[in-house]
Amino acid sequence: MKHLVATFILICGSVSAQSYQLGDLTITDAFSYPTTGRSGAGYFTLSNEGAADALLGVEADYPKVMLHKSMMKDGVMTMEHQMRVVVPTQGQIEFAPGGYHVMFMGLKEGWGVGDDIKATFIFETSGRLDVTFKVIERP
């Protein structure tokens, strides 16, 4: 797990410092990796300087977009759909490989390094926020 966190920190350093703000919520370091199949994942840091809120979903121009959490279950890595992800008061959540992520499904063609993936985040209290994921090279 420490290796995953270190890798995530290293990757974030290579992503442009683009940030998106909606009230007390800030999304930074939104990125994805190139894909060759019909699905891709998005990662970012979500910070909250105010009262608790919840990320209810993400919309994008793909057939299916869901919030997922990867976890080990009985020695097998699984992904579980998350109906909402609570962002605690004065808290921060990392959406990173091996944990929370946005799953984009039904891609008609793969993403390449430098592509931009446009999405809209939907929060329970704060509303909607447009975010662009930058496709970067895998470490």
C-alpha atoms as a PDB file:
ATOM      1  CA  MET A   1       0.000   0.000   0.000  1.00  0.00           C
ATOM      2  CA  LYS A   2       2.862   2.406   0.777  1.00  0.00           C
ATOM      3  CA  HIS A   3       4.178   1.747  -2.734  1.00  0.00           C
ATOM      4  CA  LEU A   4       0.793   2.680  -4.246  1.00  0.00           C
ATOM      5  CA  VAL A   5       0.672   5.939  -2.274  1.00  0.00           C
ATOM      6  CA  ALA A   6       4.253   6.818  -3.259  1.00  0.00           C
ATOM      7  CA  THR A   7       3.479   6.071  -6.906  1.00  0.00           C
ATOM      8  CA  PHE A   8       0.328   8.213  -6.735  1.00  0.00           C
ATOM      9  CA  ILE A   9       2.287  11.145  -5.266  1.00  0.00           C
ATOM     10  CA  LEU A  10       4.930  10.795  -7.979  1.00  0.00           C
ATOM     11  CA  ILE A  11       2.267  10.722 -10.698  1.00  0.00           C
ATOM     12  CA  CYS A  12       0.502  13.768  -9.324  1.00  0.00           C
ATOM     13  CA  GLY A  13       3.741  15.678  -9.598  1.00  0.00           C
ATOM     14  CA  SER A  14       3.762  14.977 -13.342  1.00  0.00           C
ATOM     15  CA  VAL A  15       0.155  16.120 -13.885  1.00  0.00           C
ATOM     16  CA  SER A  16      -0.410  19.792 -14.533  1.00  0.00           C
ATOM     17  CA  ALA A  17      -1.444  21.667 -11.421  1.00  0.00           C
ATOM     18  CA  GLN A  18      -4.935  22.289 -12.798  1.00  0.00           C
ATOM     19  CA  SER A  19      -7.519  22.632 -10.049  1.00  0.00           C
ATOM     20  CA  TYR A  20     -11.284  23.013 -10.117  1.00  0.00           C
ATOM     21  CA  GLN A  21     -13.251  24.692  -7.333  1.00  0.00           C
ATOM     22  CA  LEU A  22     -16.910  24.659  -6.348  1.00  0.00           C
ATOM     23  CA  GLY A  23     -17.560  26.487  -3.089  1.00  0.00           C
ATOM     24  CA  ASP A  24     -15.472  24.757  -0.415  1.00  0.00           C
ATOM     25  CA  LEU A  25     -14.639  21.767  -2.654  1.00  0.00           C
ATOM     26  CA  THR A  26     -11.475  21.558  -4.751  1.00  0.00           C
ATOM     27  CA  ILE A  27     -10.490  18.866  -7.246  1.00  0.00           C
ATOM     28  CA  THR A  28      -6.821  18.679  -8.223  1.00  0.00           C
ATOM     29  CA  ASP A  29      -4.570  16.407 -10.281  1.00  0.00           C
ATOM     30  CA  ALA A  30      -7.339  14.824 -12.389  1.00  0.00           C
ATOM     31  CA  PHE A  31      -5.681  12.225 -14.614  1.00  0.00           C
ATOM     32  CA  SER A  32      -6.138   8.918 -16.390  1.00  0.00           C
ATOM     33  CA  TYR A  33      -3.904   6.447 -18.192  1.00  0.00           C
ATOM     34  CA  PRO A  34      -4.005   5.421 -21.859  1.00  0.00           C
ATOM     35  CA  THR A  35      -6.519   2.690 -22.621  1.00  0.00           C
ATOM     36  CA  THR A  36      -6.666  -0.037 -25.234  1.00  0.00           C
ATOM     37  CA  GLY A  37      -9.940  -1.633 -24.181  1.00  0.00           C
ATOM     38  CA  ARG A  38     -13.473  -0.458 -23.654  1.00  0.00           C
ATOM     39  CA  SER A  39     -12.975   1.049 -20.195  1.00  0.00           C
ATOM     40  CA  GLY A  40     -10.768   3.527 -18.392  1.00  0.00           C
ATOM     41  CA  ALA A  41     -10.374   4.962 -14.909  1.00  0.00           C
ATOM     42  CA  GLY A  42     -10.051   8.519 -13.630  1.00  0.00           C
ATOM     43  CA  TYR A  43      -8.108   9.607 -10.560  1.00  0.00           C
ATOM     44  CA  PHE A  44      -7.880  12.881  -8.612  1.00  0.00           C
ATOM     45  CA  THR A  45      -7.689  14.475  -5.171  1.00  0.00           C
ATOM     46  CA  LEU A  46     -10.888  15.884  -3.650  1.00  0.00           C
ATOM     47  CA  SER A  47     -10.464  18.398  -0.806  1.00  0.00           C
ATOM     48  CA  ASN A  48     -13.148  20.001   1.334  1.00  0.00           C
ATOM     49  CA  GLU A  49     -12.591  23.180   3.356  1.00  0.00           C
ATOM     50  CA  GLY A  50     -16.193  23.365   4.602  1.00  0.00           C
ATOM     51  CA  ALA A  51     -19.098  21.226   5.798  1.00  0.00           C
ATOM     52  CA  ALA A  52     -19.403  17.584   4.750  1.00  0.00           C
ATOM     53  CA  ASP A  53     -20.719  16.904   1.257  1.00  0.00           C
ATOM     54  CA  ALA A  54     -21.013  13.797  -0.913  1.00  0.00           C
ATOM     55  CA  LEU A  55     -19.950  12.994  -4.455  1.00  0.00           C
ATOM     56  CA  LEU A  56     -23.029  11.326  -5.961  1.00  0.00           C
ATOM     57  CA  GLY A  57     -21.706  10.599  -9.417  1.00  0.00           C
ATOM     58  CA  VAL A  58     -19.865  11.728 -12.510  1.00  0.00           C
ATOM     59  CA  GLU A  59     -21.333  12.308 -15.964  1.00  0.00           C
ATOM     60  CA  ALA A  60     -19.364  12.085 -19.209  1.00  0.00           C
ATOM     61  CA  ASP A  61     -19.971  11.312 -22.873  1.00  0.00           C
ATOM     62  CA  TYR A  62     -19.657   7.528 -22.419  1.00  0.00           C
ATOM     63  CA  PRO A  63     -22.372   4.864 -22.090  1.00  0.00           C
ATOM     64  CA  LYS A  64     -21.651   4.227 -18.406  1.00  0.00           C
ATOM     65  CA  VAL A  65     -19.724   6.214 -15.779  1.00  0.00           C
ATOM     66  CA  MET A  66     -19.620   5.020 -12.163  1.00  0.00           C
ATOM     67  CA  LEU A  67     -17.846   5.637  -8.885  1.00  0.00           C
ATOM     68  CA  HIS A  68     -15.919   2.515  -7.869  1.00  0.00           C
ATOM     69  CA  LYS A  69     -13.713   1.391  -5.023  1.00  0.00           C
ATOM     70  CA  SER A  70     -11.097  -1.320  -5.497  1.00  0.00           C
ATOM     71  CA  MET A  71     -10.462  -3.536  -2.471  1.00  0.00           C
ATOM     72  CA  MET A  72      -9.058  -6.906  -1.496  1.00  0.00           C
ATOM     73  CA  LYS A  73     -11.718  -9.455  -0.620  1.00  0.00           C
ATOM     74  CA  ASP A  74     -10.688 -13.002   0.300  1.00  0.00           C
ATOM     75  CA  GLY A  75      -7.330 -12.498  -1.397  1.00  0.00           C
ATOM     76  CA  VAL A  76      -8.887 -11.255  -4.647  1.00  0.00           C
ATOM     77  CA  MET A  77      -8.906  -7.634  -5.844  1.00  0.00           C
ATOM     78  CA  THR A  78     -12.495  -6.562  -6.530  1.00  0.00           C
ATOM     79  CA  MET A  79     -14.290  -3.368  -7.559  1.00  0.00           C
ATOM     80  CA  GLU A  80     -17.491  -2.241  -5.895  1.00  0.00           C
ATOM     81  CA  HIS A  81     -19.859   0.403  -7.215  1.00  0.00           C
ATOM     82  CA  GLN A  82     -20.225   3.328  -4.792  1.00  0.00           C
ATOM     83  CA  MET A  83     -23.578   5.142  -4.771  1.00  0.00           C
ATOM     84  CA  ARG A  84     -21.958   8.098  -2.989  1.00  0.00           C
ATOM     85  CA  VAL A  85     -18.607   9.025  -1.525  1.00  0.00           C
ATOM     86  CA  VAL A  86     -18.766  11.279   1.535  1.00  0.00           C
ATOM     87  CA  VAL A  87     -16.242  14.103   1.646  1.00  0.00           C
ATOM     88  CA  PRO A  88     -15.837  14.823   5.369  1.00  0.00           C
ATOM     89  CA  THR A  89     -15.757  18.278   6.942  1.00  0.00           C
ATOM     90  CA  GLN A  90     -12.292  19.764   6.447  1.00  0.00           C
ATOM     91  CA  GLY A  91     -11.295  16.472   4.799  1.00  0.00           C
ATOM     92  CA  GLN A  92      -9.615  15.089   1.718  1.00  0.00           C
ATOM     93  CA  ILE A  93     -10.116  11.912  -0.320  1.00  0.00           C
ATOM     94  CA  GLU A  94      -7.637  10.468  -2.795  1.00  0.00           C
ATOM     95  CA  PHE A  95      -9.101   8.756  -5.851  1.00  0.00           C
ATOM     96  CA  ALA A  96      -6.049   6.676  -6.761  1.00  0.00           C
ATOM     97  CA  PRO A  97      -5.094   3.330  -8.332  1.00  0.00           C
ATOM     98  CA  GLY A  98      -6.051   0.544  -5.927  1.00  0.00           C
ATOM     99  CA  GLY A  99      -8.796   2.590  -4.217  1.00  0.00           C
ATOM    100  CA  TYR A 100     -11.584   4.964  -5.195  1.00  0.00           C
ATOM    101  CA  HIS A 101     -11.785   5.874  -8.895  1.00  0.00           C
ATOM    102  CA  VAL A 102     -14.179   6.965 -11.621  1.00  0.00           C
ATOM    103  CA  MET A 103     -14.848   4.106 -14.061  1.00  0.00           C
ATOM    104  CA  PHE A 104     -15.616   5.083 -17.668  1.00  0.00           C
ATOM    105  CA  MET A 105     -17.190   2.159 -19.565  1.00  0.00           C
ATOM    106  CA  GLY A 106     -18.228   1.542 -23.150  1.00  0.00           C
ATOM    107  CA  LEU A 107     -15.417   3.492 -24.804  1.00  0.00           C
ATOM    108  CA  LYS A 108     -15.569   3.255 -28.600  1.00  0.00           C
ATOM    109  CA  GLU A 109     -11.858   3.967 -28.955  1.00  0.00           C
ATOM    110  CA  GLY A 110      -8.914   4.094 -26.587  1.00  0.00           C
ATOM    111  CA  TRP A 111      -7.404   7.152 -24.962  1.00  0.00           C
ATOM    112  CA  GLY A 112      -3.860   8.241 -25.757  1.00  0.00           C
ATOM    113  CA  VAL A 113      -1.316  10.327 -23.855  1.00  0.00           C
ATOM    114  CA  GLY A 114      -2.344  13.983 -24.064  1.00  0.00           C
ATOM    115  CA  ASP A 115      -6.066  13.319 -24.545  1.00  0.00           C
ATOM    116  CA  ASP A 116      -8.536  15.268 -22.409  1.00  0.00           C
ATOM    117  CA  ILE A 117     -11.496  13.471 -20.817  1.00  0.00           C
ATOM    118  CA  LYS A 118     -14.267  15.926 -19.957  1.00  0.00           C
ATOM    119  CA  ALA A 119     -16.605  15.078 -17.097  1.00  0.00           C
ATOM    120  CA  THR A 120     -19.110  16.704 -14.746  1.00  0.00           C
ATOM    121  CA  PHE A 121     -19.016  15.884 -11.036  1.00  0.00           C
ATOM    122  CA  ILE A 122     -22.332  15.888  -9.155  1.00  0.00           C
ATOM    123  CA  PHE A 123     -22.294  16.731  -5.443  1.00  0.00           C
ATOM    124  CA  GLU A 124     -25.180  16.316  -3.027  1.00  0.00           C
ATOM    125  CA  THR A 125     -25.013  19.846  -1.601  1.00  0.00           C
ATOM    126  CA  SER A 126     -22.629  21.865  -3.749  1.00  0.00           C
ATOM    127  CA  GLY A 127     -24.042  20.987  -7.175  1.00  0.00           C
ATOM    128  CA  ARG A 128     -22.170  20.352 -10.426  1.00  0.00           C
ATOM    129  CA  LEU A 129     -18.539  20.942 -11.397  1.00  0.00           C
ATOM    130  CA  ASP A 130     -16.918  20.461 -14.820  1.00  0.00           C
ATOM    131  CA  VAL A 131     -13.513  18.751 -14.665  1.00  0.00           C
ATOM    132  CA  THR A 132     -11.044  17.612 -17.336  1.00  0.00           C
ATOM    133  CA  PHE A 133      -8.951  14.474 -16.784  1.00  0.00           C
ATOM    134  CA  LYS A 134      -5.568  14.599 -18.558  1.00  0.00           C
ATOM    135  CA  VAL A 135      -4.369  11.266 -20.008  1.00  0.00           C
ATOM    136  CA  ILE A 136      -0.752  10.752 -18.935  1.00  0.00           C
ATOM    137  CA  GLU A 137       1.857   8.076 -19.514  1.00  0.00           C
ATOM    138  CA  ARG A 138       1.918   5.183 -17.056  1.00  0.00           C
ATOM    139  CA  PRO A 139       4.869   5.261 -14.647  1.00  0.00           C
END
